[in-house]
Amino acid sequence: MIVFALRHADRKADGSDDLSPAGIERAELLARMLAESGIRKAYCSDAKRTQRTMAPLKNLLGAKLDVVVVTTEGAGGIDGHVQQIVDQIKALPDDAVVAVVGHTNTVGPIIKGLTGRSIDAIGENEFDKLFVVSVPKTGAGSVALTRYGVAT
């Protein structure tokens, strides 16, 4: 299984829960990059910025892409959110291609839950990291860091 894991695209400088013009551009680039990957499932939080990061890909793929919104305010809070995403991804078929759009405090724990591997912390102003994660049914997975769009 292949999982593309990333933090939401660039947020507005005023701290609102939305994407900046640069973030909208980054989300559109992500859609162009992933549209032909075979992706059929995506997970994001209930924050507007994660959903808006996935929106261009959903617009391109339509009904072919199932976007699952997982709340961060349910049972277990952030830890429960992370565990729910990890469990749902692990239940997918071996040949699944998936995206996860999270936050600085969720991308790393999701990757660790899927692979057993830790990543360096994502900085508060970093929006260009795109992790390509291989998740085998047994054993540790692998994680490759790539970057997309304008460097942040």
C-alpha atoms as a PDB file:
ATOM      1  CA  MET A   1       0.000   0.000   0.000  1.00  0.00           C
ATOM      2  CA  ILE A   2       1.132   3.535  -0.751  1.00  0.00           C
ATOM      3  CA  VAL A   3       0.137   6.446   1.470  1.00  0.00           C
ATOM      4  CA  PHE A   4       0.832  10.075   0.618  1.00  0.00           C
ATOM      5  CA  ALA A   5       0.971  11.901   3.961  1.00  0.00           C
ATOM      6  CA  LEU A   6       1.205  15.665   4.277  1.00  0.00           C
ATOM      7  CA  ARG A   7       0.298  18.664   6.296  1.00  0.00           C
ATOM      8  CA  HIS A   8      -2.476  20.856   4.916  1.00  0.00           C
ATOM      9  CA  ALA A   9      -1.448  23.508   2.390  1.00  0.00           C
ATOM     10  CA  ASP A  10      -0.406  27.039   3.402  1.00  0.00           C
ATOM     11  CA  ARG A  11      -2.846  28.702   5.760  1.00  0.00           C
ATOM     12  CA  LYS A  12      -3.826  32.350   5.839  1.00  0.00           C
ATOM     13  CA  ALA A  13      -1.471  34.570   7.829  1.00  0.00           C
ATOM     14  CA  ASP A  14      -4.351  35.873   9.958  1.00  0.00           C
ATOM     15  CA  GLY A  15      -4.590  32.469  11.647  1.00  0.00           C
ATOM     16  CA  SER A  16      -8.024  31.660  10.235  1.00  0.00           C
ATOM     17  CA  ASP A  17      -8.911  28.071   9.331  1.00  0.00           C
ATOM     18  CA  ASP A  18      -8.537  28.578   5.594  1.00  0.00           C
ATOM     19  CA  LEU A  19      -5.921  28.431   2.861  1.00  0.00           C
ATOM     20  CA  SER A  20      -3.963  31.408   1.598  1.00  0.00           C
ATOM     21  CA  PRO A  21      -3.639  32.046  -2.159  1.00  0.00           C
ATOM     22  CA  ALA A  22      -0.300  30.156  -1.991  1.00  0.00           C
ATOM     23  CA  GLY A  23      -2.090  27.301  -0.224  1.00  0.00           C
ATOM     24  CA  ILE A  24      -4.762  27.130  -2.915  1.00  0.00           C
ATOM     25  CA  GLU A  25      -2.023  26.971  -5.539  1.00  0.00           C
ATOM     26  CA  ARG A  26      -0.233  24.212  -3.579  1.00  0.00           C
ATOM     27  CA  ALA A  27      -3.494  22.217  -3.250  1.00  0.00           C
ATOM     28  CA  GLU A  28      -4.050  22.463  -7.006  1.00  0.00           C
ATOM     29  CA  LEU A  29      -0.503  21.236  -7.632  1.00  0.00           C
ATOM     30  CA  LEU A  30      -1.085  18.311  -5.272  1.00  0.00           C
ATOM     31  CA  ALA A  31      -4.190  17.374  -7.242  1.00  0.00           C
ATOM     32  CA  ARG A  32      -2.257  17.365 -10.522  1.00  0.00           C
ATOM     33  CA  MET A  33       0.495  15.266  -8.921  1.00  0.00           C
ATOM     34  CA  LEU A  34      -1.789  12.618  -7.411  1.00  0.00           C
ATOM     35  CA  ALA A  35      -4.676  12.444  -9.895  1.00  0.00           C
ATOM     36  CA  GLU A  36      -3.155   9.601 -11.943  1.00  0.00           C
ATOM     37  CA  SER A  37      -1.601   7.705  -9.011  1.00  0.00           C
ATOM     38  CA  GLY A  38      -4.540   5.349  -8.567  1.00  0.00           C
ATOM     39  CA  ILE A  39      -5.625   7.084  -5.370  1.00  0.00           C
ATOM     40  CA  ARG A  40      -9.161   6.207  -4.337  1.00  0.00           C
ATOM     41  CA  LYS A  41      -9.260   7.040  -0.618  1.00  0.00           C
ATOM     42  CA  ALA A  42      -8.241  10.125   1.343  1.00  0.00           C
ATOM     43  CA  TYR A  43      -8.426  11.075   4.992  1.00  0.00           C
ATOM     44  CA  CYS A  44      -8.390  14.531   6.532  1.00  0.00           C
ATOM     45  CA  SER A  45      -9.393  16.208   9.748  1.00  0.00           C
ATOM     46  CA  ASP A  46     -12.497  18.284  10.286  1.00  0.00           C
ATOM     47  CA  ALA A  47     -10.472  21.496   9.865  1.00  0.00           C
ATOM     48  CA  LYS A  48     -11.463  23.520   6.818  1.00  0.00           C
ATOM     49  CA  ARG A  49      -7.826  23.833   5.687  1.00  0.00           C
ATOM     50  CA  THR A  50      -7.328  20.054   5.419  1.00  0.00           C
ATOM     51  CA  GLN A  51     -10.548  19.644   3.464  1.00  0.00           C
ATOM     52  CA  ARG A  52      -9.676  22.552   1.177  1.00  0.00           C
ATOM     53  CA  THR A  53      -6.278  20.939   0.536  1.00  0.00           C
ATOM     54  CA  MET A  54      -8.083  17.819  -0.744  1.00  0.00           C
ATOM     55  CA  ALA A  55     -10.807  19.708  -2.644  1.00  0.00           C
ATOM     56  CA  PRO A  56      -8.971  20.119  -5.995  1.00  0.00           C
ATOM     57  CA  LEU A  57      -8.172  16.385  -6.087  1.00  0.00           C
ATOM     58  CA  LYS A  58     -11.784  15.538  -5.228  1.00  0.00           C
ATOM     59  CA  ASN A  59     -12.929  17.906  -7.989  1.00  0.00           C
ATOM     60  CA  LEU A  60     -10.663  16.143 -10.509  1.00  0.00           C
ATOM     61  CA  LEU A  61     -11.592  12.593  -9.514  1.00  0.00           C
ATOM     62  CA  GLY A  62     -15.206  13.072  -8.451  1.00  0.00           C
ATOM     63  CA  ALA A  63     -16.883   9.869  -7.287  1.00  0.00           C
ATOM     64  CA  LYS A  64     -13.629   7.918  -7.825  1.00  0.00           C
ATOM     65  CA  LEU A  65     -12.199   9.495  -4.638  1.00  0.00           C
ATOM     66  CA  ASP A  66     -13.724   8.814  -1.238  1.00  0.00           C
ATOM     67  CA  VAL A  67     -12.683  11.549   1.204  1.00  0.00           C
ATOM     68  CA  VAL A  68     -13.203  10.571   4.850  1.00  0.00           C
ATOM     69  CA  VAL A  69     -13.315  13.392   7.396  1.00  0.00           C
ATOM     70  CA  VAL A  70     -12.146  12.223  10.818  1.00  0.00           C
ATOM     71  CA  THR A  71     -12.920  14.557  13.696  1.00  0.00           C
ATOM     72  CA  THR A  72     -10.227  15.614  16.121  1.00  0.00           C
ATOM     73  CA  GLU A  73     -12.758  16.257  18.875  1.00  0.00           C
ATOM     74  CA  GLY A  74     -14.136  12.733  19.255  1.00  0.00           C
ATOM     75  CA  ALA A  75     -13.210  10.102  21.810  1.00  0.00           C
ATOM     76  CA  GLY A  76      -9.511  10.319  22.612  1.00  0.00           C
ATOM     77  CA  GLY A  77      -9.049  13.759  21.019  1.00  0.00           C
ATOM     78  CA  ILE A  78      -5.992  14.020  18.747  1.00  0.00           C
ATOM     79  CA  ASP A  79      -4.717  10.571  19.770  1.00  0.00           C
ATOM     80  CA  GLY A  80      -8.101   9.058  18.925  1.00  0.00           C
ATOM     81  CA  HIS A  81      -8.111  10.877  15.579  1.00  0.00           C
ATOM     82  CA  VAL A  82      -4.662   9.483  14.730  1.00  0.00           C
ATOM     83  CA  GLN A  83      -5.573   5.948  15.805  1.00  0.00           C
ATOM     84  CA  GLN A  84      -8.811   5.966  13.829  1.00  0.00           C
ATOM     85  CA  ILE A  85      -6.977   6.970  10.639  1.00  0.00           C
ATOM     86  CA  VAL A  86      -4.208   4.402  11.205  1.00  0.00           C
ATOM     87  CA  ASP A  87      -6.736   1.625  11.841  1.00  0.00           C
ATOM     88  CA  GLN A  88      -8.813   2.495   8.771  1.00  0.00           C
ATOM     89  CA  ILE A  89      -5.771   2.627   6.498  1.00  0.00           C
ATOM     90  CA  LYS A  90      -4.409  -0.682   7.793  1.00  0.00           C
ATOM     91  CA  ALA A  91      -7.777  -2.286   6.965  1.00  0.00           C
ATOM     92  CA  LEU A  92      -7.503  -1.310   3.275  1.00  0.00           C
ATOM     93  CA  PRO A  93      -6.354  -3.737   0.557  1.00  0.00           C
ATOM     94  CA  ASP A  94      -2.612  -4.204  -0.052  1.00  0.00           C
ATOM     95  CA  ASP A  95      -2.784  -2.376  -3.392  1.00  0.00           C
ATOM     96  CA  ALA A  96      -4.573   0.720  -2.059  1.00  0.00           C
ATOM     97  CA  VAL A  97      -3.267   4.212  -2.796  1.00  0.00           C
ATOM     98  CA  VAL A  98      -4.267   6.684  -0.088  1.00  0.00           C
ATOM     99  CA  ALA A  99      -3.719  10.299   0.939  1.00  0.00           C
ATOM    100  CA  VAL A 100      -3.754  11.677   4.473  1.00  0.00           C
ATOM    101  CA  VAL A 101      -3.892  15.420   5.016  1.00  0.00           C
ATOM    102  CA  GLY A 102      -3.175  16.343   8.601  1.00  0.00           C
ATOM    103  CA  HIS A 103      -1.437  18.847  10.824  1.00  0.00           C
ATOM    104  CA  THR A 104       2.004  19.406  12.360  1.00  0.00           C
ATOM    105  CA  ASN A 105       0.951  17.303  15.349  1.00  0.00           C
ATOM    106  CA  THR A 106      -0.789  14.459  13.462  1.00  0.00           C
ATOM    107  CA  VAL A 107       1.252  13.629  10.341  1.00  0.00           C
ATOM    108  CA  GLY A 108       4.200  12.211  12.298  1.00  0.00           C
ATOM    109  CA  PRO A 109       2.091  10.058  14.644  1.00  0.00           C
ATOM    110  CA  ILE A 110       0.060   8.712  11.699  1.00  0.00           C
ATOM    111  CA  ILE A 111       3.260   7.753   9.839  1.00  0.00           C
ATOM    112  CA  LYS A 112       4.652   6.142  12.999  1.00  0.00           C
ATOM    113  CA  GLY A 113       1.414   4.215  13.507  1.00  0.00           C
ATOM    114  CA  LEU A 114       1.537   2.924   9.934  1.00  0.00           C
ATOM    115  CA  THR A 115       5.245   2.096   9.696  1.00  0.00           C
ATOM    116  CA  GLY A 116       6.809   2.143  13.155  1.00  0.00           C
ATOM    117  CA  ARG A 117       9.147   4.874  11.875  1.00  0.00           C
ATOM    118  CA  SER A 118       9.486   8.397  13.236  1.00  0.00           C
ATOM    119  CA  ILE A 119       9.905  11.526  11.150  1.00  0.00           C
ATOM    120  CA  ASP A 120      11.419  14.877  12.064  1.00  0.00           C
ATOM    121  CA  ALA A 121       8.908  17.394  13.365  1.00  0.00           C
ATOM    122  CA  ILE A 122       7.127  19.512  10.775  1.00  0.00           C
ATOM    123  CA  GLY A 123       7.793  23.195  11.397  1.00  0.00           C
ATOM    124  CA  GLU A 124       4.959  25.642  11.933  1.00  0.00           C
ATOM    125  CA  ASN A 125       5.764  27.338   8.599  1.00  0.00           C
ATOM    126  CA  GLU A 126       6.496  24.179   6.597  1.00  0.00           C
ATOM    127  CA  PHE A 127       3.855  23.298   4.038  1.00  0.00           C
ATOM    128  CA  ASP A 128       5.920  21.668   1.273  1.00  0.00           C
ATOM    129  CA  LYS A 129       6.702  18.267   2.796  1.00  0.00           C
ATOM    130  CA  LEU A 130       5.063  15.287   1.107  1.00  0.00           C
ATOM    131  CA  PHE A 131       5.822  11.886   2.607  1.00  0.00           C
ATOM    132  CA  VAL A 132       5.530   8.808   0.426  1.00  0.00           C
ATOM    133  CA  VAL A 133       4.875   5.918   2.783  1.00  0.00           C
ATOM    134  CA  SER A 134       4.975   2.215   1.953  1.00  0.00           C
ATOM    135  CA  VAL A 135       2.811   0.176   4.318  1.00  0.00           C
ATOM    136  CA  PRO A 136       3.275  -3.605   4.119  1.00  0.00           C
ATOM    137  CA  LYS A 137       0.815  -5.980   5.795  1.00  0.00           C
ATOM    138  CA  THR A 138       3.609  -7.180   8.098  1.00  0.00           C
ATOM    139  CA  GLY A 139       6.842  -5.579   9.240  1.00  0.00           C
ATOM    140  CA  ALA A 140       7.981  -1.981   9.209  1.00  0.00           C
ATOM    141  CA  GLY A 141       7.167   0.225   6.276  1.00  0.00           C
ATOM    142  CA  SER A 142       9.325   2.826   4.614  1.00  0.00           C
ATOM    143  CA  VAL A 143       9.054   6.594   4.426  1.00  0.00           C
ATOM    144  CA  ALA A 144      10.441   8.853   1.700  1.00  0.00           C
ATOM    145  CA  LEU A 145      10.369  12.612   2.160  1.00  0.00           C
ATOM    146  CA  THR A 146       9.703  14.649  -0.966  1.00  0.00           C
ATOM    147  CA  ARG A 147       8.826  18.306  -1.356  1.00  0.00           C
ATOM    148  CA  TYR A 148       6.285  19.911  -3.643  1.00  0.00           C
ATOM    149  CA  GLY A 149       5.496  23.429  -4.723  1.00  0.00           C
ATOM    150  CA  VAL A 150       7.261  26.556  -3.533  1.00  0.00           C
ATOM    151  CA  ALA A 151       9.769  25.878  -0.754  1.00  0.00           C
ATOM    152  CA  THR A 152       8.634  26.892   2.718  1.00  0.00           C
END
